[in-house]
Structures are given as C-alpha cells and as structure tokens.
Protein backbone atom coordinates (compact mmCIF):
# COMPACT_ATOMS: atom_id res chain seq x y z
CA MET A 1 -58.98 -198.68 -18.35
CA LYS A 2 -61.75 -196.81 -20.16
CA LYS A 3 -63.40 -200.08 -21.15
CA ILE A 4 -63.47 -201.26 -17.52
CA LEU A 5 -64.95 -197.95 -16.38
CA LEU A 6 -67.59 -198.03 -19.12
CA PHE A 7 -68.45 -201.62 -18.21
CA ALA A 8 -68.77 -200.70 -14.52
CA LEU A 9 -71.04 -197.76 -15.37
CA LEU A 10 -73.14 -199.98 -17.61
CA VAL A 11 -73.56 -202.58 -14.85
CA VAL A 12 -74.50 -199.92 -12.29
CA GLY A 13 -76.88 -198.30 -14.76
CA MET A 14 -78.68 -201.56 -15.44
CA THR A 15 -79.44 -202.22 -11.77
CA SER A 16 -82.67 -201.11 -10.20
CA CYS A 17 -84.08 -200.61 -6.77
CA TYR A 18 -85.53 -203.90 -5.62
CA ASN A 19 -88.56 -203.23 -3.46
CA THR A 20 -91.54 -205.44 -2.71
CA THR A 21 -94.20 -205.54 -0.01
CA VAL A 22 -96.08 -208.66 1.07
CA CYS A 23 -99.28 -208.34 3.10
CA VAL A 24 -100.31 -211.13 5.48
CA GLY A 25 -103.73 -211.64 7.06
CA ASP A 26 -106.23 -208.76 6.85
CA MET A 27 -103.53 -206.16 6.17
CA LYS A 28 -103.80 -204.16 2.93
CA PRO A 29 -100.94 -202.26 1.24
CA ASP A 30 -102.48 -198.84 2.00
CA ASP A 31 -103.37 -199.53 5.65
CA ALA A 32 -101.68 -197.40 8.28
CA ALA A 33 -98.87 -199.34 9.88
CA VAL A 34 -96.04 -198.92 12.33
CA GLU A 35 -92.57 -200.42 11.89
CA VAL A 36 -91.99 -203.15 14.48
CA ASN A 37 -88.68 -204.72 13.41
CA THR A 38 -85.92 -204.70 10.79
CA VAL A 39 -83.53 -207.52 9.95
CA LYS A 40 -80.83 -208.15 7.31
CA SER A 41 -81.14 -211.11 4.97
CA HIS A 42 -77.78 -212.29 3.66
CA HIS A 43 -77.43 -213.60 0.10
CA PHE A 44 -74.46 -214.57 -2.01
CA ILE A 45 -73.59 -214.80 -5.74
CA TYR A 46 -75.92 -212.04 -6.97
CA GLY A 47 -78.70 -213.16 -4.62
CA LEU A 48 -78.89 -216.72 -5.92
CA VAL A 49 -77.82 -218.36 -2.65
CA GLY A 50 -79.39 -217.41 0.69
CA ASN A 51 -78.21 -218.47 4.10
CA LYS A 52 -81.50 -219.00 5.96
CA LYS A 53 -85.24 -218.45 6.01
CA ILE A 54 -86.64 -215.56 8.00
CA GLU A 55 -89.44 -216.58 10.36
CA ALA A 56 -91.81 -213.60 10.42
CA SER A 57 -93.49 -214.79 13.62
CA LYS A 58 -90.30 -214.02 15.57
CA TYR A 59 -90.34 -210.38 14.43
CA VAL A 60 -94.01 -209.31 14.54
CA GLY A 61 -94.77 -210.16 18.15
CA GLY A 62 -97.56 -212.68 17.61
CA LYS A 63 -99.62 -210.50 15.26
CA THR A 64 -101.68 -212.31 12.63
CA SER A 65 -101.91 -209.33 10.25
CA TYR A 66 -98.75 -207.55 9.14
CA LYS A 67 -96.75 -206.28 6.17
CA VAL A 68 -93.25 -207.34 5.18
CA LYS A 69 -91.15 -205.03 2.99
CA TYR A 70 -88.03 -206.38 1.22
CA TYR A 71 -85.63 -203.84 -0.26
CA HIS A 72 -82.01 -202.99 -0.97
CA SER A 73 -80.88 -199.99 1.06
CA PHE A 74 -78.03 -197.76 -0.10
CA VAL A 75 -75.61 -199.65 2.15
CA ASP A 76 -76.85 -202.98 0.76
CA GLY A 77 -76.21 -201.78 -2.78
CA LEU A 78 -72.81 -200.42 -1.83
CA LEU A 79 -71.76 -203.75 -0.29
CA ASP A 80 -73.02 -205.54 -3.38
CA ALA A 81 -71.00 -203.24 -5.64
CA ILE A 82 -67.83 -203.46 -3.54
CA THR A 83 -67.90 -207.29 -3.55
CA TRP A 84 -68.91 -207.45 -7.23
CA GLY A 85 -72.09 -209.39 -6.34
CA ILE A 86 -70.48 -212.04 -4.19
CA TYR A 87 -72.27 -210.69 -1.08
CA ASN A 88 -75.76 -209.31 -1.67
CA PRO A 89 -77.64 -208.28 1.51
CA THR A 90 -81.31 -207.34 1.61
CA THR A 91 -83.14 -205.36 4.31
CA VAL A 92 -86.42 -206.82 5.56
CA THR A 93 -88.77 -204.55 7.54
CA PHE A 94 -91.89 -205.74 9.37
CA TYR A 95 -94.94 -203.50 9.90
CA ALA A 96 -97.94 -204.09 12.17
CA PRO A 97 -101.34 -202.37 11.89
CA TYR A 98 -101.49 -198.96 13.53
CA ASP A 99 -103.88 -199.02 16.48
CA LYS A 100 -105.13 -195.66 17.76
C-alpha cells in the first residue's frame, strides 16, 4: 500500500500546470482584453486523443484580433487524476481587445 501511495504522490508531483496563450491578429500578450467565451476541450489517454477541433471564429464574435488561453483548471486536473489520465479535459478561454 505504501508503494502505491508513494507512486501516486510521485505522479502528482511530476505534473505541472499547463498554460499557454496564443495571440491572433494584432493582439499582443500584454494588451488589455476582456473574456468573451470559455469552452471545454475533451481529450483522452493523457491528452493524446482529442475529440474535435475548436473553431475560434464561433467564440469570438467575428473579431479578427483575439487571444486564446489553454489551461488545466483545478477541476480539469481533478478529473484527470480520478480517471488516471483516461479523460483529460482542457479549458479554453477566448479574449477580445478591450475597447474603452
């Protein structure tokens, strides 16, 4: 039992927070932006198999400049841990430029 617990702690300790931001058009990473939409991206077998492509145009409302942030939320990581990597969701958030 101790070996299983140590292995589980080792696996959890070796994971990291996956977070990346992609800028499209004239948008820069430091530009002020407002969140316009959030969607879940479903992956399986430790993220190796995805179920579909996400079309950004459906979520940004016709904007040509925007940011897309991909990350694992706490709930995403919890679901991944509970299913031992069989189901691995990712949260995708879309940001549009902030207009005053």
